[in-house]
Amino acid sequence: MDESIPRSQAELRQKIIESRKIVDLYRPVIDAYIVDFFHLNLWNSLPPSWIRCFSKIPIQHLPDLLSFENRNSESNVWPLTVLALRSLFQQLVHTRNKPTSQQHRTNRNCVFFKQSGLFKKSVKLKKRHEIERFADDCSRESTCRTLVDIGSGQGNLARTLAYGFGFRVCCLEQNVSFVQVARKKDTELWLRLAKLEPNLKDIIHPVHLHEKVNLDHIDPIGFVQLLRDALNVEKDQQANPFQFGLIGLHPCGDLAPSLLRLFLACQECRFVKLVCCCYMKLSCKESISKTDAKQYGFPLSDFCRRTDLTLSYEAREMACHAIEQYRDRLRTNYHELKIHAYRAAIESIIVRLRPDLKHSGLKGGINATEISFAEYCQRAVAGLDITVPQEEIHAQETQLHLNRWEEVVKFYTIRLMFAPLIETIILYDRWIFLLEKDTNARIDVLFDPYISPRNHVITAYK
């Protein structure tokens, strides 16, 4: 077993306590906003020994900073506090690497693998990877063969589970256009499969409902009755009582905590399986009214609430970054990361000229190696009520800022070093929450982090 994976609730709590000490100590760096780099002079907020070290280290050596699970081949001499941090990360952070020995255990003769080309049609590579791994993981659950997917989108996962793995699937989606597309795609896939797999005649098609479930005030009896009606399940089936599993492939923000609460509230729900994302969209105690104080998304566990655990929006947003991909960019295409300096430089101008537009959403997807800073300014502020004056763009102060672009990249990387710790805190809070409710819960690595950065799956049974 990986040494970073806790074995008990007590060990989980202790890891959160230790992680919180690190967060509190380095909160100025963790809570920093990279766009504020120049006008808040963030470089000088680093410890002096770090400034001396990172001023000399080339950007190409920074990838080691974001990989602390295997440090045997490192040649960099980091400050002692950085070395200490990385040793602590090894102990506290839940691994992001999928065990190499873990292989598919599903019957390779199932419809999904026999007709994989049909299931993958018009599905992007990242989504293909996620759906295949998630569906394969669901197929190992022997608790029940009925699955409920809330926020099912266009039903790509549901089609794989139903037609490819033989589950009975009920989908609830509040976007009516998604529901319509899902039903259309179900029909198209089914017509193709029926010609190739004659034994599928008795399969149960996915059910797509245009519904918005009130997850703020859960009505377990009403919810289960909704499922019974949708799936045409008689209430008095004593021989085979109605049971289901609740699933979610990247439920956003507060949807994930709400699904955990729904799982606990419904007696008929035997297990829940979630791969979560968008931690920055979680509601916190400070962001909601007192009347709804018990329903905020983070923290969830009684333990973390009693200790007043808090994570800023900036910290939670950082925990959603694609660390492995960024690490590779540092090795090869690091000049593209100059875009961070462009964004920070224009922010210092905006704050000076129009402080009301501080931290405004600028246009993204701009490659800094292909355009000048002047062109960037023109594109970035499109749609905002501001034009960046030429004298500001070519001012000596602005040019000095742009010449420091490597410092911006280094600070961004240093900050990103803490991201796996922040994500672990959020995941472990949910794990403790489930254990506090007497469920059997675990966290596994499900996806390749290079393909799908949010790659942990939370599974709980009762």
Protein backbone atom coordinates (compact mmCIF):
# COMPACT_ATOMS: atom_id res chain seq x y z
CA MET A 1 0.00 0.00 0.00
CA ASP A 2 1.24 3.50 -0.82
CA GLU A 3 2.65 5.18 2.29
CA SER A 4 0.75 8.39 1.52
CA ILE A 5 -2.63 6.62 1.75
CA PRO A 6 -4.14 6.70 5.27
CA ARG A 7 -5.36 3.52 6.91
CA SER A 8 -7.78 4.95 9.48
CA GLN A 9 -9.96 7.95 10.30
CA ALA A 10 -7.50 8.98 12.99
CA GLU A 11 -4.67 9.01 10.46
CA LEU A 12 -6.79 11.05 8.05
CA ARG A 13 -7.45 13.64 10.75
CA GLN A 14 -3.78 13.83 11.67
CA LYS A 15 -2.82 14.36 8.03
CA ILE A 16 -5.27 17.24 7.76
CA ILE A 17 -3.89 18.77 10.98
CA GLU A 18 -0.34 18.58 9.64
CA SER A 19 -1.41 19.86 6.20
CA ARG A 20 -3.20 22.78 7.78
CA LYS A 21 -0.03 23.84 9.60
CA ILE A 22 1.74 24.07 6.25
CA VAL A 23 -1.12 26.02 4.67
CA ASP A 24 -1.21 28.50 7.56
CA LEU A 25 2.56 29.00 7.40
CA TYR A 26 2.67 29.59 3.65
CA ARG A 27 -0.75 31.17 3.18
CA PRO A 28 0.70 34.41 1.67
CA VAL A 29 2.14 32.37 -1.20
CA ILE A 30 -0.78 29.94 -1.50
CA ASP A 31 -3.38 32.72 -1.51
CA ALA A 32 -1.45 34.93 -3.92
CA TYR A 33 -2.96 35.82 -7.26
CA ILE A 34 -0.34 35.62 -10.01
CA VAL A 35 -1.83 38.64 -11.81
CA ASP A 36 -0.87 40.72 -8.74
CA PHE A 37 2.80 39.78 -9.13
CA PHE A 38 4.04 43.26 -10.03
CA HIS A 39 1.72 45.68 -8.32
CA LEU A 40 1.91 43.74 -5.01
CA ASN A 41 5.61 42.82 -5.44
CA LEU A 42 4.94 39.12 -4.79
CA TRP A 43 8.53 38.05 -5.49
CA ASN A 44 9.68 39.76 -2.28
CA SER A 45 6.99 37.91 -0.29
CA LEU A 46 9.08 34.74 -0.63
CA PRO A 47 11.53 33.79 2.14
CA PRO A 48 14.97 35.37 1.50
CA SER A 49 16.65 31.96 1.08
CA TRP A 50 14.10 31.07 -1.59
CA ILE A 51 14.70 34.31 -3.47
CA ARG A 52 18.45 33.69 -3.49
CA CYS A 53 17.99 30.12 -4.71
CA PHE A 54 15.31 30.63 -7.34
CA SER A 55 16.97 33.72 -8.76
CA LYS A 56 19.82 31.47 -9.93
CA ILE A 57 18.01 28.25 -10.90
CA PRO A 58 17.07 27.96 -14.60
CA ILE A 59 13.42 27.41 -15.43
CA GLN A 60 14.26 24.03 -16.98
CA HIS A 61 15.18 22.74 -13.51
CA LEU A 62 11.83 23.66 -11.96
CA PRO A 63 9.91 20.50 -12.99
CA ASP A 64 11.60 18.65 -10.11
CA LEU A 65 9.81 21.01 -7.75
CA LEU A 66 6.44 19.61 -8.88
CA SER A 67 7.38 15.95 -8.51
CA PHE A 68 8.07 14.73 -5.00
CA GLU A 69 7.03 11.07 -5.21
CA ASN A 70 10.30 10.01 -6.83
CA ARG A 71 13.31 12.15 -5.97
CA ASN A 72 16.16 9.74 -6.62
CA SER A 73 17.45 11.44 -9.76
CA GLU A 74 17.38 15.06 -8.59
CA SER A 75 20.47 17.23 -8.86
CA ASN A 76 19.17 20.59 -7.63
CA VAL A 77 20.21 21.98 -4.25
CA TRP A 78 17.03 23.45 -2.78
CA PRO A 79 16.76 25.55 0.40
CA LEU A 80 16.34 23.42 3.52
CA THR A 81 12.77 24.64 4.01
CA VAL A 82 11.89 23.52 0.47
CA LEU A 83 13.46 20.12 1.10
CA ALA A 84 11.51 19.81 4.35
CA LEU A 85 8.28 20.75 2.60
CA ARG A 86 8.79 18.20 -0.14
CA SER A 87 9.47 15.46 2.43
CA LEU A 88 6.24 16.40 4.18
CA PHE A 89 4.37 16.37 0.86
CA GLN A 90 5.56 12.80 0.31
CA GLN A 91 3.92 11.80 3.58
CA LEU A 92 0.77 13.94 3.42
CA VAL A 93 -0.32 14.16 -0.22
CA HIS A 94 -2.51 11.45 -1.67
CA THR A 95 -0.74 9.92 -4.65
CA ARG A 96 -1.78 11.08 -8.12
CA ASN A 97 -0.15 8.13 -9.87
CA LYS A 98 -2.18 5.12 -10.91
CA PRO A 99 -0.53 1.82 -9.85
CA THR A 100 1.16 0.22 -12.87
CA SER A 101 -0.04 -3.22 -11.75
CA GLN A 102 -3.70 -2.19 -11.88
CA GLN A 103 -5.26 -3.56 -15.04
CA HIS A 104 -8.80 -3.82 -16.37
CA ARG A 105 -10.61 -6.65 -14.66
CA THR A 106 -13.76 -6.39 -16.73
CA ASN A 107 -14.70 -9.15 -19.12
CA ARG A 108 -13.00 -8.04 -22.33
CA ASN A 109 -15.77 -9.74 -24.28
CA CYS A 110 -18.39 -7.27 -23.06
CA VAL A 111 -20.08 -5.14 -25.71
CA PHE A 112 -18.09 -2.02 -24.92
CA PHE A 113 -14.74 -3.59 -25.71
CA LYS A 114 -16.04 -5.60 -28.67
CA GLN A 115 -17.56 -2.50 -30.28
CA SER A 116 -15.35 0.19 -28.78
CA GLY A 117 -15.16 2.13 -32.05
CA LEU A 118 -18.89 2.88 -31.95
CA PHE A 119 -18.77 4.12 -28.35
CA LYS A 120 -15.79 6.37 -29.02
CA LYS A 121 -17.29 8.05 -32.08
CA SER A 122 -17.48 11.87 -31.70
CA VAL A 123 -16.06 11.67 -28.15
CA LYS A 124 -12.82 13.55 -27.44
CA LEU A 125 -9.75 11.64 -26.25
CA LYS A 126 -9.89 12.97 -22.68
CA LYS A 127 -13.56 12.08 -22.34
CA ARG A 128 -13.00 8.65 -23.87
CA HIS A 129 -10.32 7.90 -21.30
CA GLU A 130 -12.53 9.04 -18.43
CA ILE A 131 -15.65 7.21 -19.57
CA GLU A 132 -13.85 3.93 -20.18
CA ARG A 133 -12.04 3.97 -16.82
CA PHE A 134 -15.09 5.14 -14.88
CA ALA A 135 -17.44 2.61 -16.50
CA ASP A 136 -14.91 -0.16 -15.98
CA ASP A 137 -14.66 0.81 -12.30
CA CYS A 138 -18.47 0.80 -11.98
CA SER A 139 -18.59 -2.68 -13.51
CA ARG A 140 -16.66 -4.05 -10.54
CA GLU A 141 -19.44 -3.06 -8.14
CA SER A 142 -21.60 -6.07 -7.31
CA THR A 143 -23.94 -4.12 -5.00
CA CYS A 144 -26.54 -3.30 -7.66
CA ARG A 145 -26.95 -2.94 -11.41
CA THR A 146 -29.00 0.27 -11.43
CA LEU A 147 -27.14 3.56 -11.66
CA VAL A 148 -28.34 7.16 -11.34
CA ASP A 149 -26.38 9.96 -13.00
CA ILE A 150 -27.35 13.50 -11.97
CA GLY A 151 -26.02 16.16 -14.32
CA SER A 152 -25.57 13.60 -17.07
CA GLY A 153 -25.09 16.05 -19.94
CA GLN A 154 -25.45 14.46 -23.37
CA GLY A 155 -25.36 10.95 -21.94
CA ASN A 156 -21.99 9.68 -23.19
CA LEU A 157 -21.29 7.91 -19.90
CA ALA A 158 -24.85 6.55 -19.65
CA ARG A 159 -24.69 4.99 -23.13
CA THR A 160 -21.42 3.27 -22.27
CA LEU A 161 -22.79 1.94 -18.97
CA ALA A 162 -26.10 0.76 -20.46
CA TYR A 163 -25.18 -0.59 -23.89
CA GLY A 164 -21.55 -1.39 -23.21
CA PHE A 165 -21.70 -2.84 -19.67
CA GLY A 166 -25.35 -3.83 -19.23
CA PHE A 167 -26.38 -1.41 -16.44
CA ARG A 168 -29.84 0.06 -16.05
CA VAL A 169 -29.21 3.81 -16.04
CA CYS A 170 -31.41 6.75 -15.11
CA CYS A 171 -30.10 10.21 -16.04
CA LEU A 172 -31.31 13.53 -14.64
CA GLU A 173 -30.29 16.67 -16.49
CA GLN A 174 -31.70 20.19 -16.14
CA ASN A 175 -30.58 21.35 -19.61
CA VAL A 176 -33.39 20.27 -21.94
CA SER A 177 -31.23 20.53 -25.08
CA PHE A 178 -28.73 18.08 -23.55
CA VAL A 179 -31.57 15.65 -22.83
CA GLN A 180 -32.78 15.86 -26.42
CA VAL A 181 -29.28 15.28 -27.80
CA ALA A 182 -28.77 12.34 -25.41
CA ARG A 183 -31.95 10.61 -26.57
CA LYS A 184 -31.01 11.13 -30.21
CA LYS A 185 -27.52 9.73 -29.70
CA ASP A 186 -28.96 6.75 -27.78
CA THR A 187 -31.10 5.87 -30.79
CA GLU A 188 -28.24 6.26 -33.25
CA LEU A 189 -25.87 4.06 -31.23
CA TRP A 190 -28.54 1.46 -30.54
CA LEU A 191 -29.40 1.05 -34.23
CA ARG A 192 -25.75 0.42 -35.06
CA LEU A 193 -25.18 -1.96 -32.14
CA ALA A 194 -28.33 -3.99 -32.80
CA LYS A 195 -26.97 -4.97 -36.22
CA LEU A 196 -23.70 -6.19 -34.77
CA GLU A 197 -24.85 -7.59 -31.41
CA PRO A 198 -28.13 -9.51 -31.82
CA ASN A 199 -28.01 -10.62 -28.17
CA LEU A 200 -28.72 -7.05 -27.05
CA LYS A 201 -32.44 -7.30 -27.83
CA ASP A 202 -33.49 -7.35 -24.16
CA ILE A 203 -31.20 -4.57 -22.96
CA ILE A 204 -32.73 -1.70 -20.95
CA HIS A 205 -32.19 1.64 -22.65
CA PRO A 206 -30.95 4.64 -20.64
CA VAL A 207 -33.73 6.85 -19.30
CA HIS A 208 -33.11 10.59 -19.68
CA LEU A 209 -35.21 12.92 -17.56
CA HIS A 210 -35.37 16.68 -17.86
CA GLU A 211 -35.31 17.31 -14.11
CA LYS A 212 -33.70 19.66 -11.61
CA VAL A 213 -33.30 17.87 -8.30
CA ASN A 214 -33.51 20.13 -5.25
CA LEU A 215 -30.28 19.14 -3.56
CA ASP A 216 -30.45 22.00 -1.06
CA HIS A 217 -33.51 20.44 0.60
CA ILE A 218 -33.30 16.73 -0.16
CA ASP A 219 -36.55 14.75 -0.24
CA PRO A 220 -35.33 11.13 -0.28
CA ILE A 221 -38.83 9.61 -0.54
CA GLY A 222 -39.82 11.86 -3.43
CA PHE A 223 -36.48 11.31 -5.18
CA VAL A 224 -36.70 7.52 -4.97
CA GLN A 225 -40.30 7.62 -6.22
CA LEU A 226 -39.14 9.72 -9.17
CA LEU A 227 -36.63 7.00 -10.03
CA ARG A 228 -39.20 4.22 -9.60
CA ASP A 229 -41.59 5.96 -11.96
CA ALA A 230 -38.88 6.66 -14.53
CA LEU A 231 -37.59 3.09 -14.49
CA ASN A 232 -41.06 1.54 -14.20
CA VAL A 233 -40.24 -0.20 -10.93
CA GLU A 234 -43.17 -1.48 -8.86
CA LYS A 235 -43.04 -0.39 -5.23
CA ASP A 236 -43.98 -3.79 -3.82
CA GLN A 237 -41.19 -5.82 -5.41
CA GLN A 238 -40.23 -7.63 -2.22
CA ALA A 239 -38.14 -10.34 -3.90
CA ASN A 240 -35.81 -7.78 -5.50
CA PRO A 241 -35.94 -4.56 -3.51
CA PHE A 242 -35.17 -1.42 -5.51
CA GLN A 243 -31.58 -0.33 -5.01
CA PHE A 244 -29.27 1.92 -6.97
CA GLY A 245 -25.81 3.46 -7.08
CA LEU A 246 -25.27 7.20 -7.45
CA ILE A 247 -22.53 8.22 -9.87
CA GLY A 248 -20.92 11.46 -11.00
CA LEU A 249 -18.14 12.00 -13.52
CA HIS A 250 -16.69 15.42 -12.64
CA PRO A 251 -19.65 16.99 -10.81
CA CYS A 252 -18.81 20.66 -10.46
CA GLY A 253 -18.45 22.64 -7.22
CA ASP A 254 -21.23 22.07 -4.69
CA LEU A 255 -22.85 19.32 -6.77
CA ALA A 256 -20.36 16.76 -5.42
CA PRO A 257 -21.09 17.44 -1.70
CA SER A 258 -24.81 17.50 -2.50
CA LEU A 259 -24.57 14.07 -4.14
CA LEU A 260 -22.81 12.72 -1.05
CA ARG A 261 -25.67 14.04 1.09
CA LEU A 262 -28.20 12.49 -1.28
CA PHE A 263 -26.41 9.15 -1.03
CA LEU A 264 -26.62 9.27 2.76
CA ALA A 265 -30.28 10.37 2.76
CA CYS A 266 -31.64 7.62 0.48
CA GLN A 267 -31.89 4.19 2.06
CA GLU A 268 -32.16 2.60 -1.38
CA CYS A 269 -28.85 4.14 -2.52
CA ARG A 270 -26.26 1.46 -1.82
CA PHE A 271 -23.12 3.18 -3.09
CA VAL A 272 -21.81 6.45 -4.49
CA LYS A 273 -18.92 6.93 -6.90
CA LEU A 274 -17.68 10.43 -7.75
CA VAL A 275 -14.76 11.98 -9.58
CA CYS A 276 -14.93 15.64 -8.50
CA CYS A 277 -13.72 18.94 -9.95
CA CYS A 278 -14.02 22.76 -9.77
CA TYR A 279 -13.15 23.11 -6.09
CA MET A 280 -13.07 26.91 -6.41
CA LYS A 281 -16.85 26.88 -6.96
CA LEU A 282 -17.49 25.29 -3.57
CA SER A 283 -19.51 27.40 -1.16
CA CYS A 284 -17.95 28.05 2.24
CA LYS A 285 -19.25 29.22 5.59
CA GLU A 286 -18.22 32.79 4.83
CA SER A 287 -20.02 32.87 1.48
CA ILE A 288 -23.57 31.88 2.48
CA SER A 289 -26.30 33.13 4.78
CA LYS A 290 -26.59 31.90 8.35
CA THR A 291 -29.88 30.15 7.61
CA ASP A 292 -28.09 27.75 5.22
CA ALA A 293 -24.97 27.39 7.32
CA LYS A 294 -25.15 23.59 7.39
CA GLN A 295 -25.37 23.20 3.61
CA TYR A 296 -22.13 24.78 2.40
CA GLY A 297 -19.79 22.65 0.33
CA PHE A 298 -16.49 23.00 2.19
CA PRO A 299 -15.60 21.79 4.67
CA LEU A 300 -18.04 18.89 4.93
CA SER A 301 -16.82 16.82 7.87
CA ASP A 302 -17.71 17.58 11.48
CA PHE A 303 -14.02 17.36 12.31
CA CYS A 304 -12.96 20.05 9.84
CA ARG A 305 -15.90 22.26 10.74
CA ARG A 306 -15.11 22.07 14.45
CA THR A 307 -11.55 23.17 13.75
CA ASP A 308 -12.70 26.02 11.45
CA LEU A 309 -10.69 24.75 8.50
CA THR A 310 -10.68 27.30 5.67
CA LEU A 311 -9.18 27.43 2.20
CA SER A 312 -9.33 30.56 0.08
CA TYR A 313 -10.84 30.74 -3.39
CA GLU A 314 -7.32 31.18 -4.78
CA ALA A 315 -6.10 28.04 -3.00
CA ARG A 316 -9.05 25.95 -4.18
CA GLU A 317 -8.66 27.25 -7.73
CA MET A 318 -4.97 26.33 -7.70
CA ALA A 319 -5.88 22.77 -6.65
CA CYS A 320 -7.64 22.34 -10.01
CA HIS A 321 -4.54 22.92 -12.14
CA ALA A 322 -3.03 20.33 -14.48
CA ILE A 323 0.30 19.90 -12.71
CA GLU A 324 1.73 17.11 -14.86
CA GLN A 325 1.05 19.03 -18.07
CA TYR A 326 2.54 22.21 -16.62
CA ARG A 327 5.61 20.25 -15.54
CA ASP A 328 6.16 19.13 -19.13
CA ARG A 329 5.76 22.70 -20.42
CA LEU A 330 8.51 23.82 -18.04
CA ARG A 331 10.81 21.25 -19.65
CA THR A 332 10.06 22.02 -23.28
CA ASN A 333 7.84 25.02 -24.12
CA TYR A 334 8.56 27.21 -21.11
CA HIS A 335 8.76 30.38 -23.23
CA GLU A 336 4.99 30.06 -23.74
CA LEU A 337 4.63 30.64 -19.99
CA LYS A 338 5.68 34.25 -20.55
CA ILE A 339 1.91 34.77 -20.84
CA HIS A 340 1.82 34.90 -17.00
CA ALA A 341 4.08 37.97 -17.10
CA TYR A 342 1.96 39.54 -19.84
CA ARG A 343 -1.14 39.09 -17.70
CA ALA A 344 0.56 40.47 -14.57
CA ALA A 345 2.00 43.43 -16.48
CA ILE A 346 -1.34 44.45 -17.94
CA GLU A 347 -2.95 44.02 -14.52
CA SER A 348 -0.54 46.53 -12.99
CA ILE A 349 -1.58 49.01 -15.71
CA ILE A 350 -5.30 48.32 -15.24
CA VAL A 351 -5.09 48.70 -11.45
CA ARG A 352 -3.39 52.07 -11.88
CA LEU A 353 -5.78 53.41 -14.54
CA ARG A 354 -9.05 51.64 -13.71
CA PRO A 355 -8.99 50.08 -10.22
CA ASP A 356 -12.66 49.15 -10.68
CA LEU A 357 -11.54 46.62 -13.32
CA LYS A 358 -9.10 44.84 -11.00
CA HIS A 359 -9.03 41.07 -11.58
CA SER A 360 -11.37 41.37 -14.56
CA GLY A 361 -11.65 38.35 -16.79
CA LEU A 362 -9.39 38.98 -19.78
CA LYS A 363 -9.38 37.01 -23.01
CA GLY A 364 -7.49 33.75 -22.65
CA GLY A 365 -5.95 31.29 -25.09
CA ILE A 366 -3.32 33.75 -26.33
CA ASN A 367 0.17 32.41 -27.11
CA ALA A 368 2.83 34.80 -25.80
CA THR A 369 5.49 33.45 -28.16
CA GLU A 370 3.49 34.46 -31.23
CA ILE A 371 2.56 38.08 -30.43
CA SER A 372 4.05 41.19 -28.85
CA PHE A 373 2.88 42.62 -25.55
CA ALA A 374 1.18 45.45 -27.45
CA GLU A 375 -0.85 42.93 -29.48
CA TYR A 376 -1.64 41.02 -26.29
CA CYS A 377 -3.02 44.17 -24.64
CA GLN A 378 -5.29 44.81 -27.61
CA ARG A 379 -6.67 41.24 -27.63
CA ALA A 380 -6.85 40.69 -23.89
CA VAL A 381 -9.08 43.66 -23.06
CA ALA A 382 -11.52 43.08 -25.91
CA GLY A 383 -15.00 43.32 -24.41
CA LEU A 384 -13.87 45.42 -21.44
CA ASP A 385 -14.47 49.14 -21.10
CA ILE A 386 -10.80 50.04 -21.38
CA THR A 387 -8.11 50.68 -23.96
CA VAL A 388 -4.52 50.32 -22.80
CA PRO A 389 -2.67 53.52 -23.84
CA GLN A 390 0.44 53.08 -26.02
CA GLU A 391 2.50 55.17 -23.60
CA GLU A 392 1.68 52.67 -20.84
CA ILE A 393 2.55 49.70 -23.04
CA HIS A 394 5.96 51.13 -23.93
CA ALA A 395 6.68 52.76 -20.58
CA GLN A 396 10.02 51.93 -18.92
CA GLU A 397 8.25 50.41 -15.90
CA THR A 398 6.24 48.08 -18.14
CA GLN A 399 9.36 46.97 -19.99
CA LEU A 400 11.13 46.29 -16.69
CA HIS A 401 8.17 44.14 -15.66
CA LEU A 402 8.26 42.15 -18.89
CA ASN A 403 12.01 41.58 -18.49
CA ARG A 404 11.23 39.82 -15.20
CA TRP A 405 8.99 37.22 -16.85
CA GLU A 406 11.10 34.32 -15.59
CA GLU A 407 10.49 35.43 -11.99
CA VAL A 408 6.76 35.30 -12.67
CA VAL A 409 7.04 31.73 -14.00
CA LYS A 410 9.15 30.70 -11.02
CA PHE A 411 6.69 32.19 -8.52
CA TYR A 412 3.80 30.49 -10.31
CA THR A 413 5.65 27.16 -10.10
CA ILE A 414 6.52 27.60 -6.42
CA ARG A 415 2.87 28.28 -5.69
CA LEU A 416 1.78 25.28 -7.74
CA MET A 417 4.00 23.08 -5.56
CA PHE A 418 1.31 23.36 -2.87
CA ALA A 419 -1.59 22.41 -5.17
CA PRO A 420 -1.62 18.62 -4.50
CA LEU A 421 -1.65 19.33 -0.75
CA ILE A 422 -4.71 21.60 -1.12
CA GLU A 423 -6.55 19.01 -3.20
CA THR A 424 -5.70 16.31 -0.67
CA ILE A 425 -7.20 18.40 2.14
CA ILE A 426 -10.46 18.76 0.18
CA LEU A 427 -10.57 15.06 -0.68
CA TYR A 428 -9.75 13.95 2.86
CA ASP A 429 -12.42 16.24 4.31
CA ARG A 430 -14.95 14.37 2.15
CA TRP A 431 -13.47 11.02 3.10
CA ILE A 432 -13.73 11.84 6.81
CA PHE A 433 -17.31 13.09 6.27
CA LEU A 434 -18.30 9.72 4.83
CA LEU A 435 -16.50 7.78 7.57
CA GLU A 436 -18.23 9.90 10.23
CA LYS A 437 -21.54 8.68 8.76
CA ASP A 438 -20.49 5.02 9.24
CA THR A 439 -20.00 4.26 5.56
CA ASN A 440 -17.24 2.19 4.04
CA ALA A 441 -15.33 4.73 1.92
CA ARG A 442 -12.11 4.94 -0.03
CA ILE A 443 -10.25 7.14 -2.52
CA ASP A 444 -8.52 5.63 -5.55
CA VAL A 445 -6.56 6.98 -8.50
CA LEU A 446 -8.69 6.25 -11.56
CA PHE A 447 -7.34 8.30 -14.48
CA ASP A 448 -3.96 9.03 -16.02
CA PRO A 449 -3.17 12.49 -14.55
CA TYR A 450 -1.58 13.60 -17.83
CA ILE A 451 -4.90 13.05 -19.62
CA SER A 452 -7.35 13.90 -16.85
CA PRO A 453 -5.82 15.95 -13.99
CA ARG A 454 -8.78 15.50 -11.61
CA ASN A 455 -8.18 11.78 -11.38
CA HIS A 456 -9.27 10.66 -7.89
CA VAL A 457 -12.49 8.70 -7.43
CA ILE A 458 -14.35 8.67 -4.12
CA THR A 459 -16.36 5.50 -3.53
CA ALA A 460 -18.56 4.79 -0.50
CA TYR A 461 -20.92 1.97 0.47
CA LYS A 462 -23.53 1.47 3.14
